[in-house]
Amino acid sequence: MTGRGRFGQSCRVTPPLRLLSTGAEDRLWAVMATIGRESRIAEVFRSREDALKDRDWRAREVSAYAEFLRRCRQPVPHYSVAPIRRSDLPRRWRPLPALGFLHGRVF
């Protein structure tokens, strides 16, 4: 479709963007933090590779403080990666800091 632009020059009119996402766009990869039976989404990525890198980084950060956590009788979180849909994210979800337990917040 063509038409006249704001200043009289010819311009191409593009159709509006699709508002509904496809299944591929809706799929995300979540880094899950698990303590006991409780799991939380720590971070979300579009690619599995990025999620795996973040999971490994979080695991290294936690392992550096593992002895400290044991002495303080705090549970050590376990990190994993799982596919999720965008609609599975809680409404007010926020990323979890890897070392949140240093501020008194595990989850």
Protein backbone atom coordinates (compact mmCIF):
# COMPACT_ATOMS: atom_id res chain seq x y z
CA MET A 1 0.00 0.00 0.00
CA THR A 2 1.31 3.46 -0.80
CA GLY A 3 0.13 6.91 0.14
CA ARG A 4 1.27 10.47 0.70
CA GLY A 5 3.48 11.22 3.70
CA ARG A 6 3.29 14.15 6.04
CA PHE A 7 5.17 16.47 3.72
CA GLY A 8 3.61 15.29 0.47
CA GLN A 9 6.23 12.72 -0.51
CA SER A 10 5.24 9.19 -1.43
CA CYS A 11 5.59 6.64 1.34
CA ARG A 12 4.85 2.97 1.81
CA VAL A 13 2.32 2.10 4.48
CA THR A 14 3.13 -1.09 6.32
CA PRO A 15 0.47 -3.28 7.87
CA PRO A 16 0.25 -3.21 11.69
CA LEU A 17 2.39 -5.64 13.65
CA ARG A 18 0.76 -8.82 14.87
CA LEU A 19 -0.34 -8.35 18.43
CA LEU A 20 -0.55 -12.04 19.22
CA SER A 21 2.74 -13.82 19.61
CA THR A 22 3.49 -17.15 18.04
CA GLY A 23 4.49 -20.19 20.06
CA ALA A 24 8.19 -19.70 19.30
CA GLU A 25 8.11 -16.11 20.57
CA ASP A 26 6.22 -17.19 23.68
CA ARG A 27 8.85 -19.77 24.69
CA LEU A 28 11.45 -18.66 27.20
CA TRP A 29 14.13 -20.43 29.20
CA ALA A 30 14.02 -20.00 32.96
CA VAL A 31 16.80 -20.47 35.48
CA MET A 32 15.03 -22.08 38.41
CA ALA A 33 16.26 -21.75 42.00
CA THR A 34 15.19 -24.65 44.19
CA ILE A 35 15.45 -25.06 47.95
CA GLY A 36 13.81 -28.19 49.27
CA ARG A 37 10.40 -28.43 47.63
CA GLU A 38 10.12 -24.73 46.83
CA SER A 39 11.17 -23.43 43.41
CA ARG A 40 11.30 -19.90 42.06
CA ILE A 41 12.18 -18.43 38.69
CA ALA A 42 15.52 -16.73 39.21
CA GLU A 43 15.98 -15.30 35.70
CA VAL A 44 14.50 -15.62 32.21
CA PHE A 45 16.24 -15.75 28.83
CA ARG A 46 15.24 -16.11 25.20
CA SER A 47 17.95 -18.68 24.46
CA ARG A 48 18.81 -21.87 26.30
CA GLU A 49 22.54 -21.14 25.98
CA ASP A 50 22.17 -17.85 27.86
CA ALA A 51 20.13 -19.59 30.55
CA LEU A 52 22.79 -22.29 30.95
CA LYS A 53 25.52 -19.64 31.31
CA ASP A 54 23.50 -17.84 33.98
CA ARG A 55 22.79 -21.11 35.80
CA ASP A 56 26.51 -21.93 35.84
CA TRP A 57 27.40 -18.44 37.07
CA ARG A 58 24.83 -18.65 39.88
CA ALA A 59 26.07 -22.10 40.89
CA ARG A 60 29.66 -20.80 41.08
CA GLU A 61 28.59 -17.81 43.19
CA VAL A 62 26.66 -20.02 45.61
CA SER A 63 29.44 -22.61 45.85
CA ALA A 64 31.88 -19.86 46.84
CA TYR A 65 29.65 -19.19 49.87
CA ALA A 66 28.61 -22.80 50.57
CA GLU A 67 30.56 -23.08 53.82
CA PHE A 68 29.20 -19.75 55.03
CA LEU A 69 25.66 -20.94 54.31
CA ARG A 70 26.22 -24.18 56.22
CA ARG A 71 27.58 -22.32 59.25
CA CYS A 72 24.58 -19.98 59.23
CA ARG A 73 22.26 -22.96 58.81
CA GLN A 74 20.85 -21.55 55.58
CA PRO A 75 19.83 -23.87 52.77
CA VAL A 76 21.94 -23.93 49.62
CA PRO A 77 19.88 -23.27 46.48
CA HIS A 78 20.13 -25.60 43.51
CA TYR A 79 19.84 -24.07 40.02
CA SER A 80 18.39 -25.70 36.92
CA VAL A 81 17.11 -24.62 33.49
CA ALA A 82 13.59 -25.28 32.20
CA PRO A 83 11.50 -24.05 29.27
CA ILE A 84 8.52 -21.88 30.21
CA ARG A 85 5.90 -19.79 28.47
CA ARG A 86 5.74 -16.05 28.94
CA SER A 87 2.27 -16.50 30.42
CA ASP A 88 3.76 -18.73 33.17
CA LEU A 89 5.65 -15.80 34.70
CA PRO A 90 3.97 -14.41 37.82
CA ARG A 91 2.49 -10.96 37.26
CA ARG A 92 4.94 -9.09 39.52
CA TRP A 93 7.95 -11.35 38.91
CA ARG A 94 11.40 -9.90 39.51
CA PRO A 95 14.79 -11.60 38.96
CA LEU A 96 16.38 -13.17 42.04
CA PRO A 97 19.89 -12.04 42.94
CA ALA A 98 22.37 -14.92 43.01
CA LEU A 99 23.64 -13.82 46.42
CA GLY A 100 20.33 -12.61 47.83
CA PHE A 101 20.92 -14.74 50.92
CA LEU A 102 23.65 -12.29 51.95
CA HIS A 103 20.90 -9.70 52.40
CA GLY A 104 18.75 -12.08 54.41
CA ARG A 105 16.56 -13.09 51.45
CA VAL A 106 16.86 -16.56 50.00
CA PHE A 107 13.75 -16.22 47.86
